[in-house]
Amino acid sequence: MLAGVDTGKVSISPAAEGRLAERAVAAAFAGTILILVPLGVLLLLAALSDDSRCGHFGCVGLLADAWKVGSWAAIVLAWPLLHLFRVRPAWPVAVLAPFFLVPIWELAEMPLSVMAGTFAYPLAALVSSPRLSWRRRSLVLALFLIFCVVLALS
C-alpha cells in the first residue's frame, strides 16, 4: 500500500461498534414499545364501540381500521420515543423505519405483523448509521429483501 493513498475502506473501532450495537438495541426496544400504541388504540376503540352498530359480523372492520390508525400513529410517535431512548440521530431512523414496517405489515401473518417494530427499527438504525460502510448497509438491505421474498412466497 502506498503512503498517503486512501483506499476508501472505513474501519470501525470497537467503541463505535459498541455504540452501533447500543443504538440497534435501543431502537429495538423503542419498536417493541411502539407495538403498544396500535394495541392501545384497538383496545380503546373496542371498549368505546357500540355493539349495536357492528352488525352481524361484529366489529371486525372497525377493529381493523383501529389497528391501521394505531399503526400509523406509532410511526408518528417514533421520533420522540427514539430520541428518549438516546438513538442519535433519531430522525433518520424514524423516517426509514416505515420502509421496513410496511412490507412486513403487508406480507406477514398477524403475530409477525404485530412484532414488526421490533425488527424494523433496528434495521433502520443500522442502515442510517453514520459510521457504517455502504457494503454493510447494502448487506442489511439485501437480507431484508430476501426476508420479504420468503414472506411473499410463504
Protein backbone atom coordinates (compact mmCIF):
# COMPACT_ATOMS: atom_id res chain seq x y z
CA MET A 1 0.00 0.00 0.00
CA LEU A 2 1.30 3.42 -0.89
CA ALA A 3 1.67 6.02 1.82
CA GLY A 4 -0.95 8.73 1.66
CA VAL A 5 -3.28 6.81 -0.66
CA ASP A 6 -6.84 6.50 0.53
CA THR A 7 -8.32 3.11 -0.36
CA GLY A 8 -11.83 4.08 0.69
CA LYS A 9 -12.07 1.44 3.39
CA VAL A 10 -13.59 2.56 6.65
CA SER A 11 -12.63 0.73 9.77
CA ILE A 12 -14.94 0.82 12.73
CA SER A 13 -13.34 0.99 16.14
CA PRO A 14 -14.57 -1.36 18.88
CA ALA A 15 -16.07 1.61 20.73
CA ALA A 16 -18.02 2.66 17.63
CA GLU A 17 -19.24 -0.93 17.15
CA GLY A 18 -20.43 -0.89 20.76
CA ARG A 19 -22.34 2.33 20.14
CA LEU A 20 -23.84 0.83 17.00
CA ALA A 21 -24.99 -2.20 18.98
CA GLU A 22 -26.44 0.03 21.70
CA ARG A 23 -28.21 2.08 19.04
CA ALA A 24 -29.74 -1.04 17.46
CA VAL A 25 -30.85 -2.43 20.84
CA ALA A 26 -32.37 0.91 21.86
CA ALA A 27 -34.19 1.09 18.53
CA ALA A 28 -35.49 -2.48 19.00
CA PHE A 29 -36.72 -1.54 22.46
CA ALA A 30 -38.45 1.56 21.08
CA GLY A 31 -40.02 -0.53 18.30
CA THR A 32 -41.30 -3.01 20.86
CA ILE A 33 -42.78 -0.20 22.96
CA LEU A 34 -44.41 1.26 19.84
CA ILE A 35 -46.35 -2.01 19.46
CA LEU A 36 -48.41 -0.86 22.42
CA VAL A 37 -49.73 2.20 20.53
CA PRO A 38 -51.84 0.30 17.94
CA LEU A 39 -52.85 -2.23 20.58
CA GLY A 40 -53.93 0.61 22.87
CA VAL A 41 -55.97 2.27 20.11
CA LEU A 42 -57.50 -1.12 19.31
CA LEU A 43 -58.46 -1.80 22.93
CA LEU A 44 -59.75 1.73 23.46
CA LEU A 45 -61.92 1.62 20.37
CA ALA A 46 -63.19 -1.85 21.26
CA ALA A 47 -64.14 -0.64 24.73
CA LEU A 48 -65.84 2.51 23.43
CA SER A 49 -67.62 0.99 20.43
CA ASP A 50 -71.35 0.43 20.43
CA ASP A 51 -72.10 -3.24 19.74
CA SER A 52 -75.46 -2.38 18.19
CA ARG A 53 -73.74 -0.61 15.25
CA CYS A 54 -71.44 -3.53 14.43
CA GLY A 55 -73.96 -5.65 12.57
CA HIS A 56 -73.98 -9.41 12.06
CA PHE A 57 -70.21 -9.91 11.74
CA GLY A 58 -69.27 -7.89 14.80
CA CYS A 59 -66.83 -5.02 14.84
CA VAL A 60 -64.15 -6.68 12.72
CA GLY A 61 -64.00 -3.83 10.19
CA LEU A 62 -63.95 -1.22 12.94
CA LEU A 63 -61.13 -3.02 14.74
CA ALA A 64 -59.13 -3.41 11.51
CA ASP A 65 -59.43 0.33 10.93
CA ALA A 66 -58.37 0.99 14.52
CA TRP A 67 -55.30 -1.21 14.00
CA LYS A 68 -54.31 0.77 10.90
CA VAL A 69 -54.81 4.12 12.63
CA GLY A 70 -52.84 2.95 15.65
CA SER A 71 -50.01 1.66 13.48
CA TRP A 72 -49.62 4.97 11.67
CA ALA A 73 -49.88 6.81 14.99
CA ALA A 74 -46.97 4.67 16.23
CA ILE A 75 -44.90 5.82 13.26
CA VAL A 76 -45.61 9.45 14.16
CA LEU A 77 -44.62 8.83 17.79
CA ALA A 78 -41.42 7.01 16.82
CA TRP A 79 -39.13 10.04 16.70
CA PRO A 80 -39.82 11.26 20.24
CA LEU A 81 -39.50 7.73 21.63
CA LEU A 82 -36.27 7.05 19.75
CA HIS A 83 -34.92 10.39 20.97
CA LEU A 84 -35.94 9.47 24.53
CA PHE A 85 -34.02 6.18 24.26
CA ARG A 86 -30.96 8.12 23.04
CA VAL A 87 -30.88 6.84 19.49
CA ARG A 88 -28.86 9.60 17.88
CA PRO A 89 -29.68 10.87 15.33
CA ALA A 90 -33.27 9.73 15.82
CA TRP A 91 -34.98 11.32 12.82
CA PRO A 92 -33.29 9.15 10.12
CA VAL A 93 -34.35 6.02 12.00
CA ALA A 94 -37.91 7.31 12.34
CA VAL A 95 -38.02 8.24 8.64
CA LEU A 96 -36.54 4.96 7.37
CA ALA A 97 -38.47 2.59 9.65
CA PRO A 98 -41.76 2.74 7.64
CA PHE A 99 -39.86 1.41 4.61
CA PHE A 100 -39.20 -1.70 6.68
CA LEU A 101 -42.53 -1.72 8.54
CA VAL A 102 -44.97 -1.55 5.64
CA PRO A 103 -43.65 -4.61 3.74
CA ILE A 104 -43.75 -6.65 6.94
CA TRP A 105 -47.31 -5.46 7.64
CA GLU A 106 -48.41 -6.35 4.12
CA LEU A 107 -46.62 -9.68 3.75
CA ALA A 108 -46.62 -11.24 7.22
CA GLU A 109 -49.26 -13.04 9.19
CA MET A 110 -50.66 -11.40 12.31
CA PRO A 111 -48.13 -12.48 15.00
CA LEU A 112 -45.14 -11.32 12.95
CA SER A 113 -47.01 -8.26 11.76
CA VAL A 114 -47.60 -7.20 15.35
CA MET A 115 -43.90 -7.57 16.14
CA ALA A 116 -42.75 -5.68 13.02
CA GLY A 117 -41.44 -2.71 15.01
CA THR A 118 -39.03 -4.96 16.88
CA PHE A 119 -37.36 -5.78 13.55
CA ALA A 120 -37.90 -2.58 11.56
CA TYR A 121 -36.44 0.00 13.92
CA PRO A 122 -33.09 -1.79 14.47
CA LEU A 123 -32.78 -2.32 10.70
CA ALA A 124 -33.46 1.38 10.16
CA ALA A 125 -30.89 2.20 12.85
CA LEU A 126 -28.28 0.05 11.10
CA VAL A 127 -28.99 1.43 7.64
CA SER A 128 -28.94 5.04 8.85
CA SER A 129 -25.83 4.67 11.00
CA PRO A 130 -23.35 7.41 10.05
CA ARG A 131 -20.28 5.20 10.61
CA LEU A 132 -21.42 2.07 8.78
CA SER A 133 -19.88 1.35 5.38
CA TRP A 134 -22.05 1.17 2.28
CA ARG A 135 -21.23 -2.53 1.93
CA ARG A 136 -22.66 -3.32 5.32
CA ARG A 137 -25.71 -1.16 4.65
CA SER A 138 -26.22 -2.98 1.37
CA LEU A 139 -25.91 -6.30 3.18
CA VAL A 140 -28.62 -5.29 5.65
CA LEU A 141 -30.91 -4.21 2.80
CA ALA A 142 -30.21 -7.40 0.82
CA LEU A 143 -31.02 -9.58 3.83
CA PHE A 144 -34.26 -7.65 4.35
CA LEU A 145 -35.22 -8.11 0.70
CA ILE A 146 -34.55 -11.86 0.98
CA PHE A 147 -36.73 -11.90 4.10
CA CYS A 148 -39.53 -10.12 2.18
CA VAL A 149 -39.27 -12.61 -0.70
CA VAL A 150 -39.53 -15.51 1.75
CA LEU A 151 -42.58 -13.89 3.34
CA ALA A 152 -44.18 -13.32 -0.05
CA LEU A 153 -43.62 -16.91 -1.14
CA SER A 154 -44.90 -18.47 2.07
